[in-house]
Amino acid sequence: MGRLTTHVLDTATGKPAAGLAIEVWRGGERVKVITTNDDGRADAPLLEGDDLSTGRYELRFHAGDYLRSSGIELPEPLFLDVIPISFGISDASAHYHVPLLLSPFGYSTYRGS
């Protein structure tokens, strides 16, 4: 059974990014919103089984709100606010893990396992 998961790590603090809102979009339609738990993860897969199909997806990470709540002094407007990561799912039976490594001035992602 296929599934889509994520994990957000705050590289500035070396800790999971707890309390970060993430929107899941498929084909231009928002299908889900979650908030990361204390481990920087969703409590369950973002999508799985019949809810996951081939196509174009986007995860929108609300980094600005998270960074503002962290207590770090940051300039306004923030360099990063909402971080969109667009990707394709070609095999709906596979596991797609899209992690985000975040700091106030940069981020990276990759297809994880």
Protein backbone atom coordinates (compact mmCIF):
# COMPACT_ATOMS: atom_id res chain seq x y z
CA MET A 1 0.00 0.00 0.00
CA GLY A 2 1.43 3.38 -1.02
CA ARG A 3 1.88 6.26 1.36
CA LEU A 4 3.19 9.82 1.58
CA THR A 5 5.10 10.92 4.68
CA THR A 6 7.24 13.83 5.80
CA HIS A 7 9.56 14.88 8.62
CA VAL A 8 10.72 18.42 9.41
CA LEU A 9 13.99 19.13 11.19
CA ASP A 10 15.08 22.58 12.34
CA THR A 11 18.77 22.63 11.46
CA ALA A 12 19.32 25.92 13.32
CA THR A 13 18.40 24.29 16.63
CA GLY A 14 19.22 20.68 15.80
CA LYS A 15 15.72 19.60 16.84
CA PRO A 16 12.49 18.43 15.21
CA ALA A 17 10.21 21.26 14.05
CA ALA A 18 7.18 20.71 16.27
CA GLY A 19 3.98 22.66 15.60
CA LEU A 20 4.66 23.41 11.92
CA ALA A 21 1.57 23.46 9.68
CA ILE A 22 1.75 21.59 6.36
CA GLU A 23 -0.80 21.69 3.56
CA VAL A 24 -1.08 18.77 1.11
CA TRP A 25 -2.14 19.72 -2.42
CA ARG A 26 -3.00 17.42 -5.34
CA GLY A 27 -3.66 18.79 -8.82
CA GLY A 28 -4.36 22.32 -7.57
CA GLU A 29 -6.71 21.22 -4.77
CA ARG A 30 -5.88 21.29 -1.07
CA VAL A 31 -6.66 17.84 0.30
CA LYS A 32 -5.28 17.95 3.85
CA VAL A 33 -3.71 20.15 6.53
CA ILE A 34 -1.67 18.74 9.40
CA THR A 35 0.55 20.10 12.18
CA THR A 36 3.79 18.33 13.05
CA ASN A 37 4.06 16.57 16.39
CA ASP A 38 6.93 16.82 18.91
CA ASP A 39 9.09 14.65 16.63
CA GLY A 40 8.52 16.93 13.61
CA ARG A 41 6.31 14.33 11.92
CA ALA A 42 2.65 13.82 11.15
CA ASP A 43 0.91 11.40 13.50
CA ALA A 44 -0.07 9.28 10.47
CA PRO A 45 0.86 9.21 6.79
CA LEU A 46 -0.21 12.36 4.96
CA LEU A 47 -1.93 10.15 2.38
CA GLU A 48 -2.11 6.40 2.00
CA GLY A 49 -3.98 3.63 0.22
CA ASP A 50 -6.80 4.80 -2.03
CA ASP A 51 -6.13 8.44 -1.04
CA LEU A 52 -2.76 8.31 -2.84
CA SER A 53 -2.82 8.30 -6.62
CA THR A 54 -0.39 9.09 -9.41
CA GLY A 55 -0.07 12.76 -10.28
CA ARG A 56 1.39 16.10 -9.24
CA TYR A 57 1.54 16.99 -5.56
CA GLU A 58 2.72 19.90 -3.47
CA LEU A 59 3.51 20.17 0.21
CA ARG A 60 3.34 23.71 1.57
CA PHE A 61 5.34 24.06 4.76
CA HIS A 62 4.32 27.11 6.84
CA ALA A 63 7.86 27.82 7.99
CA GLY A 64 7.30 31.51 8.70
CA ASP A 65 4.71 30.90 11.40
CA TYR A 66 6.94 28.22 12.94
CA LEU A 67 10.04 30.44 12.86
CA ARG A 68 8.18 33.42 14.37
CA SER A 69 7.00 31.23 17.25
CA SER A 70 10.53 29.92 17.95
CA GLY A 71 11.60 33.07 19.77
CA ILE A 72 14.55 33.73 17.46
CA GLU A 73 14.93 37.39 16.48
CA LEU A 74 14.31 37.53 12.74
CA PRO A 75 13.98 40.38 10.23
CA GLU A 76 10.59 41.22 8.72
CA PRO A 77 9.63 40.27 6.20
CA LEU A 78 11.07 36.84 6.78
CA PHE A 79 13.37 35.44 4.13
CA LEU A 80 11.32 32.21 4.14
CA ASP A 81 7.60 32.03 4.78
CA VAL A 82 5.62 29.31 3.03
CA ILE A 83 7.91 26.74 1.40
CA PRO A 84 6.26 24.87 -1.49
CA ILE A 85 7.76 21.55 -2.55
CA SER A 86 6.25 20.23 -5.78
CA PHE A 87 6.81 16.63 -6.84
CA GLY A 88 5.29 13.83 -8.84
CA ILE A 89 4.05 10.43 -7.76
CA SER A 90 4.40 7.89 -10.53
CA ASP A 91 3.77 4.72 -8.49
CA ALA A 92 0.84 4.97 -6.07
CA SER A 93 1.87 1.69 -4.41
CA ALA A 94 5.27 3.07 -3.31
CA HIS A 95 6.35 4.98 -0.21
CA TYR A 96 7.19 8.63 -0.90
CA HIS A 97 8.96 10.38 1.99
CA VAL A 98 9.52 14.13 1.51
CA PRO A 99 11.53 15.52 4.43
CA LEU A 100 12.36 19.19 4.99
CA LEU A 101 15.56 20.42 6.61
CA LEU A 102 14.82 23.99 7.68
CA SER A 103 16.65 27.06 8.95
CA PRO A 104 15.61 30.75 8.87
CA PHE A 105 17.63 31.37 5.69
CA GLY A 106 17.61 28.09 3.79
CA TYR A 107 16.12 24.65 3.36
CA SER A 108 16.71 21.38 1.56
CA THR A 109 14.69 18.31 0.70
CA TYR A 110 15.12 14.96 -0.98
CA ARG A 111 13.18 11.77 -1.58
CA GLY A 112 13.79 9.80 1.57
CA SER A 113 12.94 6.26 2.51
